[in-house]
Protein backbone atom coordinates (compact mmCIF):
# COMPACT_ATOMS: atom_id res chain seq x y z
CA UNK A 1 100.56 57.53 110.02
CA UNK A 2 101.98 60.12 112.63
CA UNK A 3 105.67 59.43 113.77
CA UNK A 4 104.70 58.51 117.47
CA UNK A 5 102.91 55.39 115.81
CA UNK A 6 106.04 54.96 113.67
CA UNK A 7 108.23 54.74 116.33
CA UNK A 8 105.87 52.41 118.23
CA UNK A 9 105.76 49.81 116.03
CA UNK A 10 109.50 50.28 115.45
CA UNK A 11 110.44 49.85 119.47
CA UNK A 12 107.47 46.81 118.89
CA UNK A 13 109.57 44.95 115.80
CA UNK A 14 112.68 45.12 117.82
CA UNK A 15 115.16 42.51 119.30
CA UNK A 16 115.52 44.17 122.69
CA UNK A 17 113.07 41.79 124.66
CA UNK A 18 110.56 43.93 126.77
CA UNK A 19 108.87 42.84 129.78
CA UNK A 20 107.85 45.72 131.88
CA UNK A 21 104.24 46.48 132.37
CA UNK A 22 102.20 48.01 129.81
CA UNK A 23 103.23 51.68 128.26
CA UNK A 24 107.05 50.15 128.28
CA UNK A 25 107.05 51.06 124.20
CA UNK A 26 106.24 54.66 125.34
CA UNK A 27 108.47 55.42 127.53
CA UNK A 28 111.52 54.14 125.34
CA UNK A 29 110.43 56.41 122.18
CA UNK A 30 110.56 59.50 124.78
CA UNK A 31 114.11 59.49 125.29
CA UNK A 32 114.41 59.24 121.45
CA UNK A 33 111.72 61.32 120.06
CA UNK A 34 113.50 64.72 122.71
CA UNK A 35 117.05 63.54 121.18
CA UNK A 36 115.26 63.84 117.66
CA UNK A 37 113.68 67.36 118.53
CA UNK A 38 116.19 68.43 119.79
CA UNK A 39 118.46 67.42 116.86
CA UNK A 40 116.01 69.65 114.84
CA UNK A 41 116.34 72.36 116.63
CA UNK A 42 119.70 72.75 116.42
CA UNK A 43 118.93 73.55 113.16
CA UNK A 44 116.60 76.39 113.13
CA UNK A 45 117.86 79.74 111.59
CA UNK A 46 118.42 82.07 114.91
CA UNK A 47 116.45 84.33 112.27
CA UNK A 48 115.23 84.68 109.19
CA UNK A 49 117.44 86.58 106.29
CA UNK A 50 117.46 85.03 103.07
CA UNK A 51 114.35 82.92 101.44
CA UNK A 52 116.15 79.31 102.57
CA UNK A 53 116.27 80.12 105.34
CA UNK A 54 112.60 80.87 105.55
CA UNK A 55 112.35 77.53 103.25
CA UNK A 56 114.73 75.65 105.89
CA UNK A 57 112.60 76.89 109.01
CA UNK A 58 109.53 75.85 107.38
CA UNK A 59 110.67 72.56 107.07
CA UNK A 60 111.64 72.49 110.67
CA UNK A 61 108.11 73.28 111.83
CA UNK A 62 106.89 70.51 109.49
CA UNK A 63 109.06 67.73 110.54
CA UNK A 64 108.85 69.21 114.33
CA UNK A 65 104.62 68.51 114.00
CA UNK A 66 105.45 65.28 112.75
CA UNK A 67 107.22 64.56 115.34
CA UNK A 68 104.80 65.43 117.90
CA UNK A 69 102.37 63.52 116.03
CA UNK A 70 100.38 67.03 114.99
CA UNK A 71 100.22 66.44 111.54
CA UNK A 72 100.77 62.80 109.32
CA UNK A 73 103.74 61.13 107.99
CA UNK A 74 103.43 61.47 104.09
CA UNK A 75 103.85 58.43 102.37
């Protein structure tokens, strides 16, 4: 399953009454996704200085792809 789908499902299960027009879940999910993207980006190494930094950058790239729905979230 992709992260955007997981987020929409979580919003739909929440106790927040979303009595808006269609697309309300996506409207709520957008700022959450933007916050997560900024948070992840703040942990990106400035430059690749070590194998650890390479690994951290690779993990951040994977997480951002999941956040954007480009790749599936691992089970």
